Amino acid sequence: MFLNRVDSFDINTQTLRQVGYLSCSLSNAYSFFHAGNIIIVGGQIYVNRHCPLVLSFNVQTGVTTILLEGLVDDSVSCFDGVDNIYILSAKTLTRYTLSSKQSINLAKCPLYQYSCPFIYDTFVGEILYLCGTSKNYRYSTSEDKWTRIKSNDKVLDRNWFGACLIRD
């Protein structure tokens, strides 16, 4: 399903309230909230047609702005919670900095599988890319380096799996 409607969900009343509309309909996009804006990365605009954009939707004004054009193919993304969005595709890892509106290509991951969990760990400043048995990687943002995680992961393929970090 491809939607362009933006809603707000009130956790206390468990009700939705319409906030506005995006300039295009999307599915399977990644979204992050930052400084009053919903940042939307990629997704699909039609079945098997990739959206090559990073968009910003201002929740106060309802205005959609294009932040970055030219994403080359399907991608996964994560946000460091401060200023940087990391976008991984089969061809590259890109860091887009919101404050400067600059993007830079980083070290390419040795593996790419669309829709595997791609999570920024704010505690250590690394990205986890979890694709299953012998296919889990850690990216160091300070060293621009990918390292395979040696684990006992028994799940062969984590496509379309969700994931979150939990610390005690």
C-alpha atoms as a PDB file:
ATOM      1  CA  MET A   1       0.000   0.000   0.000  1.00  0.00           C
ATOM      2  CA  PHE A   2       1.361   3.397  -0.983  1.00  0.00           C
ATOM      3  CA  LEU A   3       0.356   6.297   1.273  1.00  0.00           C
ATOM      4  CA  ASN A   4       1.041  10.006   1.404  1.00  0.00           C
ATOM      5  CA  ARG A   5      -0.940  10.813   4.548  1.00  0.00           C
ATOM      6  CA  VAL A   6       0.949  11.843   7.700  1.00  0.00           C
ATOM      7  CA  ASP A   7      -0.772  11.133  11.021  1.00  0.00           C
ATOM      8  CA  SER A   8       0.110  11.648  14.658  1.00  0.00           C
ATOM      9  CA  PHE A   9      -0.697   8.895  17.166  1.00  0.00           C
ATOM     10  CA  ASP A  10      -1.567   9.970  20.712  1.00  0.00           C
ATOM     11  CA  ILE A  11      -0.271   7.244  23.036  1.00  0.00           C
ATOM     12  CA  ASN A  12      -2.561   8.276  25.922  1.00  0.00           C
ATOM     13  CA  THR A  13      -5.845   8.358  23.994  1.00  0.00           C
ATOM     14  CA  GLN A  14      -4.731   5.852  21.343  1.00  0.00           C
ATOM     15  CA  THR A  15      -6.170   8.006  18.582  1.00  0.00           C
ATOM     16  CA  LEU A  16      -4.803   9.204  15.237  1.00  0.00           C
ATOM     17  CA  ARG A  17      -4.879  12.820  14.104  1.00  0.00           C
ATOM     18  CA  GLN A  18      -4.094  13.866  10.551  1.00  0.00           C
ATOM     19  CA  VAL A  19      -1.084  16.185  10.327  1.00  0.00           C
ATOM     20  CA  GLY A  20      -0.752  16.561   6.564  1.00  0.00           C
ATOM     21  CA  TYR A  21       0.302  14.954   3.303  1.00  0.00           C
ATOM     22  CA  LEU A  22       3.629  14.127   1.693  1.00  0.00           C
ATOM     23  CA  SER A  23       4.247  15.318  -1.853  1.00  0.00           C
ATOM     24  CA  CYS A  24       4.262  11.679  -3.049  1.00  0.00           C
ATOM     25  CA  SER A  25       2.881   8.314  -1.947  1.00  0.00           C
ATOM     26  CA  LEU A  26       5.375   5.804  -0.504  1.00  0.00           C
ATOM     27  CA  SER A  27       5.733   2.376   1.029  1.00  0.00           C
ATOM     28  CA  ASN A  28       8.645   0.684   2.824  1.00  0.00           C
ATOM     29  CA  ALA A  29      10.411   3.969   3.599  1.00  0.00           C
ATOM     30  CA  TYR A  30      12.586   4.619   6.644  1.00  0.00           C
ATOM     31  CA  SER A  31      11.598   7.563   8.813  1.00  0.00           C
ATOM     32  CA  PHE A  32      13.204   9.467  11.676  1.00  0.00           C
ATOM     33  CA  PHE A  33      12.049  12.422  13.778  1.00  0.00           C
ATOM     34  CA  HIS A  34      14.466  15.336  14.133  1.00  0.00           C
ATOM     35  CA  ALA A  35      13.941  18.985  15.165  1.00  0.00           C
ATOM     36  CA  GLY A  36      10.234  19.109  14.299  1.00  0.00           C
ATOM     37  CA  ASN A  37      10.677  17.252  11.019  1.00  0.00           C
ATOM     38  CA  ILE A  38      10.017  13.716   9.884  1.00  0.00           C
ATOM     39  CA  ILE A  39      12.967  12.647   7.733  1.00  0.00           C
ATOM     40  CA  ILE A  40      11.921  10.046   5.143  1.00  0.00           C
ATOM     41  CA  VAL A  41      14.550   7.973   3.339  1.00  0.00           C
ATOM     42  CA  GLY A  42      13.880   6.058   0.128  1.00  0.00           C
ATOM     43  CA  GLY A  43      11.079   3.541  -0.026  1.00  0.00           C
ATOM     44  CA  GLN A  44       9.042   2.668  -3.069  1.00  0.00           C
ATOM     45  CA  ILE A  45       6.796   4.931  -5.116  1.00  0.00           C
ATOM     46  CA  TYR A  46       5.322   2.061  -7.165  1.00  0.00           C
ATOM     47  CA  VAL A  47       5.698  -1.706  -7.012  1.00  0.00           C
ATOM     48  CA  ASN A  48       9.370  -2.410  -7.759  1.00  0.00           C
ATOM     49  CA  ARG A  49      10.106   1.292  -8.358  1.00  0.00           C
ATOM     50  CA  HIS A  50      12.507   2.818  -5.881  1.00  0.00           C
ATOM     51  CA  CYS A  51      12.135   6.373  -4.528  1.00  0.00           C
ATOM     52  CA  PRO A  52      15.541   8.064  -4.998  1.00  0.00           C
ATOM     53  CA  LEU A  53      14.940  10.814  -2.407  1.00  0.00           C
ATOM     54  CA  VAL A  54      15.473  11.861   1.197  1.00  0.00           C
ATOM     55  CA  LEU A  55      12.534  14.052   2.199  1.00  0.00           C
ATOM     56  CA  SER A  56      11.810  16.264   5.197  1.00  0.00           C
ATOM     57  CA  PHE A  57       8.223  16.827   6.344  1.00  0.00           C
ATOM     58  CA  ASN A  58       7.775  19.740   8.758  1.00  0.00           C
ATOM     59  CA  VAL A  59       5.046  18.716  11.226  1.00  0.00           C
ATOM     60  CA  GLN A  60       4.123  22.348  12.032  1.00  0.00           C
ATOM     61  CA  THR A  61       3.855  23.723   8.489  1.00  0.00           C
ATOM     62  CA  GLY A  62       3.045  20.525   6.574  1.00  0.00           C
ATOM     63  CA  VAL A  63       5.691  21.408   3.972  1.00  0.00           C
ATOM     64  CA  THR A  64       7.707  18.623   2.326  1.00  0.00           C
ATOM     65  CA  THR A  65      11.261  19.470   1.248  1.00  0.00           C
ATOM     66  CA  ILE A  66      13.699  17.364  -0.783  1.00  0.00           C
ATOM     67  CA  LEU A  67      16.961  17.060   1.175  1.00  0.00           C
ATOM     68  CA  LEU A  68      18.856  14.676  -1.084  1.00  0.00           C
ATOM     69  CA  GLU A  69      18.281  13.294  -4.584  1.00  0.00           C
ATOM     70  CA  GLY A  70      19.867  10.438  -6.430  1.00  0.00           C
ATOM     71  CA  LEU A  71      19.703   7.450  -4.101  1.00  0.00           C
ATOM     72  CA  VAL A  72      20.731   4.790  -6.587  1.00  0.00           C
ATOM     73  CA  ASP A  73      18.653   1.783  -5.549  1.00  0.00           C
ATOM     74  CA  ASP A  74      16.853   0.140  -2.664  1.00  0.00           C
ATOM     75  CA  SER A  75      18.532   0.968   0.606  1.00  0.00           C
ATOM     76  CA  VAL A  76      18.363   0.637   4.363  1.00  0.00           C
ATOM     77  CA  SER A  77      19.050   3.540   6.675  1.00  0.00           C
ATOM     78  CA  CYS A  78      19.535   4.585  10.279  1.00  0.00           C
ATOM     79  CA  PHE A  79      19.864   7.852  12.199  1.00  0.00           C
ATOM     80  CA  ASP A  80      22.441   8.650  14.878  1.00  0.00           C
ATOM     81  CA  GLY A  81      19.851  10.676  16.816  1.00  0.00           C
ATOM     82  CA  VAL A  82      21.877  13.864  16.445  1.00  0.00           C
ATOM     83  CA  ASP A  83      22.703  14.964  12.897  1.00  0.00           C
ATOM     84  CA  ASN A  84      23.660  12.068  10.604  1.00  0.00           C
ATOM     85  CA  ILE A  85      21.672   9.644   8.488  1.00  0.00           C
ATOM     86  CA  TYR A  86      23.497   6.561   7.216  1.00  0.00           C
ATOM     87  CA  ILE A  87      22.167   5.047   3.980  1.00  0.00           C
ATOM     88  CA  LEU A  88      23.381   1.623   2.868  1.00  0.00           C
ATOM     89  CA  SER A  89      22.741   0.270  -0.622  1.00  0.00           C
ATOM     90  CA  ALA A  90      24.297  -2.501  -2.674  1.00  0.00           C
ATOM     91  CA  LYS A  91      26.733   0.046  -4.104  1.00  0.00           C
ATOM     92  CA  THR A  92      27.693   2.315  -1.203  1.00  0.00           C
ATOM     93  CA  LEU A  93      27.337   3.512   2.368  1.00  0.00           C
ATOM     94  CA  THR A  94      26.556   7.224   2.499  1.00  0.00           C
ATOM     95  CA  ARG A  95      26.475   9.568   5.481  1.00  0.00           C
ATOM     96  CA  TYR A  96      24.149  12.543   5.022  1.00  0.00           C
ATOM     97  CA  THR A  97      24.605  15.326   7.583  1.00  0.00           C
ATOM     98  CA  LEU A  98      21.378  17.244   8.182  1.00  0.00           C
ATOM     99  CA  SER A  99      22.942  20.483   9.478  1.00  0.00           C
ATOM    100  CA  SER A 100      25.364  20.938   6.565  1.00  0.00           C
ATOM    101  CA  LYS A 101      23.245  19.157   3.919  1.00  0.00           C
ATOM    102  CA  GLN A 102      26.411  17.358   2.816  1.00  0.00           C
ATOM    103  CA  SER A 103      26.774  13.702   1.912  1.00  0.00           C
ATOM    104  CA  ILE A 104      29.922  11.612   1.820  1.00  0.00           C
ATOM    105  CA  ASN A 105      30.526   8.061   0.634  1.00  0.00           C
ATOM    106  CA  LEU A 106      32.011   5.749   3.242  1.00  0.00           C
ATOM    107  CA  ALA A 107      33.439   2.218   3.248  1.00  0.00           C
ATOM    108  CA  LYS A 108      31.276  -0.237   1.329  1.00  0.00           C
ATOM    109  CA  CYS A 109      29.848  -3.127   3.344  1.00  0.00           C
ATOM    110  CA  PRO A 110      31.124  -6.573   2.242  1.00  0.00           C
ATOM    111  CA  LEU A 111      27.511  -7.772   2.097  1.00  0.00           C
ATOM    112  CA  TYR A 112      24.202  -6.250   1.091  1.00  0.00           C
ATOM    113  CA  GLN A 113      20.744  -7.684   1.619  1.00  0.00           C
ATOM    114  CA  TYR A 114      17.740  -5.406   1.288  1.00  0.00           C
ATOM    115  CA  SER A 115      15.567  -5.012   4.375  1.00  0.00           C
ATOM    116  CA  CYS A 116      17.877  -6.443   7.043  1.00  0.00           C
ATOM    117  CA  PRO A 117      17.924  -4.557  10.365  1.00  0.00           C
ATOM    118  CA  PHE A 118      20.335  -1.593  10.187  1.00  0.00           C
ATOM    119  CA  ILE A 119      20.655   0.009  13.626  1.00  0.00           C
ATOM    120  CA  TYR A 120      22.729   2.890  14.971  1.00  0.00           C
ATOM    121  CA  ASP A 121      24.082   2.152  18.463  1.00  0.00           C
ATOM    122  CA  THR A 122      24.449   5.533  20.178  1.00  0.00           C
ATOM    123  CA  PHE A 123      26.257   3.968  23.158  1.00  0.00           C
ATOM    124  CA  VAL A 124      29.330   2.969  21.113  1.00  0.00           C
ATOM    125  CA  GLY A 125      28.860   5.034  17.922  1.00  0.00           C
ATOM    126  CA  GLU A 126      28.593   2.021  15.663  1.00  0.00           C
ATOM    127  CA  ILE A 127      26.067   0.606  13.218  1.00  0.00           C
ATOM    128  CA  LEU A 128      24.844  -2.965  13.414  1.00  0.00           C
ATOM    129  CA  TYR A 129      23.745  -4.663  10.195  1.00  0.00           C
ATOM    130  CA  LEU A 130      22.026  -7.946  11.061  1.00  0.00           C
ATOM    131  CA  CYS A 131      21.403 -10.302   8.134  1.00  0.00           C
ATOM    132  CA  GLY A 132      21.634 -13.750   9.773  1.00  0.00           C
ATOM    133  CA  THR A 133      24.076 -16.624  10.218  1.00  0.00           C
ATOM    134  CA  SER A 134      27.621 -15.454   9.292  1.00  0.00           C
ATOM    135  CA  LYS A 135      26.104 -12.283   7.763  1.00  0.00           C
ATOM    136  CA  ASN A 136      26.086  -9.880  10.740  1.00  0.00           C
ATOM    137  CA  TYR A 137      28.375  -6.845  10.556  1.00  0.00           C
ATOM    138  CA  ARG A 138      29.431  -3.900  12.700  1.00  0.00           C
ATOM    139  CA  TYR A 139      30.463  -0.561  11.176  1.00  0.00           C
ATOM    140  CA  SER A 140      32.752   1.753  13.135  1.00  0.00           C
ATOM    141  CA  THR A 141      31.860   5.378  12.380  1.00  0.00           C
ATOM    142  CA  SER A 142      35.175   6.579  13.806  1.00  0.00           C
ATOM    143  CA  GLU A 143      37.330   4.157  11.766  1.00  0.00           C
ATOM    144  CA  ASP A 144      35.136   3.898   8.618  1.00  0.00           C
ATOM    145  CA  LYS A 145      35.504   0.124   8.819  1.00  0.00           C
ATOM    146  CA  TRP A 146      33.212  -2.918   8.611  1.00  0.00           C
ATOM    147  CA  THR A 147      33.853  -5.994  10.777  1.00  0.00           C
ATOM    148  CA  ARG A 148      31.966  -9.271  10.652  1.00  0.00           C
ATOM    149  CA  ILE A 149      30.414 -10.119  14.016  1.00  0.00           C
ATOM    150  CA  LYS A 150      31.321 -13.610  15.172  1.00  0.00           C
ATOM    151  CA  SER A 151      28.163 -14.817  16.856  1.00  0.00           C
ATOM    152  CA  ASN A 152      26.026 -17.882  17.323  1.00  0.00           C
ATOM    153  CA  ASP A 153      23.154 -16.426  15.297  1.00  0.00           C
ATOM    154  CA  LYS A 154      21.080 -19.413  14.193  1.00  0.00           C
ATOM    155  CA  VAL A 155      18.717 -17.432  11.958  1.00  0.00           C
ATOM    156  CA  LEU A 156      19.846 -17.982   8.362  1.00  0.00           C
ATOM    157  CA  ASP A 157      18.224 -14.899   6.844  1.00  0.00           C
ATOM    158  CA  ARG A 158      16.971 -11.788   8.697  1.00  0.00           C
ATOM    159  CA  ASN A 159      15.289 -10.071   5.715  1.00  0.00           C
ATOM    160  CA  TRP A 160      12.152  -8.267   6.926  1.00  0.00           C
ATOM    161  CA  PHE A 161      13.042  -8.882  10.586  1.00  0.00           C
ATOM    162  CA  GLY A 162      12.743  -6.076  13.089  1.00  0.00           C
ATOM    163  CA  ALA A 163      15.337  -5.336  15.755  1.00  0.00           C
ATOM    164  CA  CYS A 164      16.047  -2.903  18.575  1.00  0.00           C
ATOM    165  CA  LEU A 165      18.847  -2.452  21.089  1.00  0.00           C
ATOM    166  CA  ILE A 166      18.027  -3.042  24.746  1.00  0.00           C
ATOM    167  CA  ARG A 167      20.499  -2.188  27.516  1.00  0.00           C
ATOM    168  CA  ASP A 168      20.179  -2.605  31.255  1.00  0.00           C
END
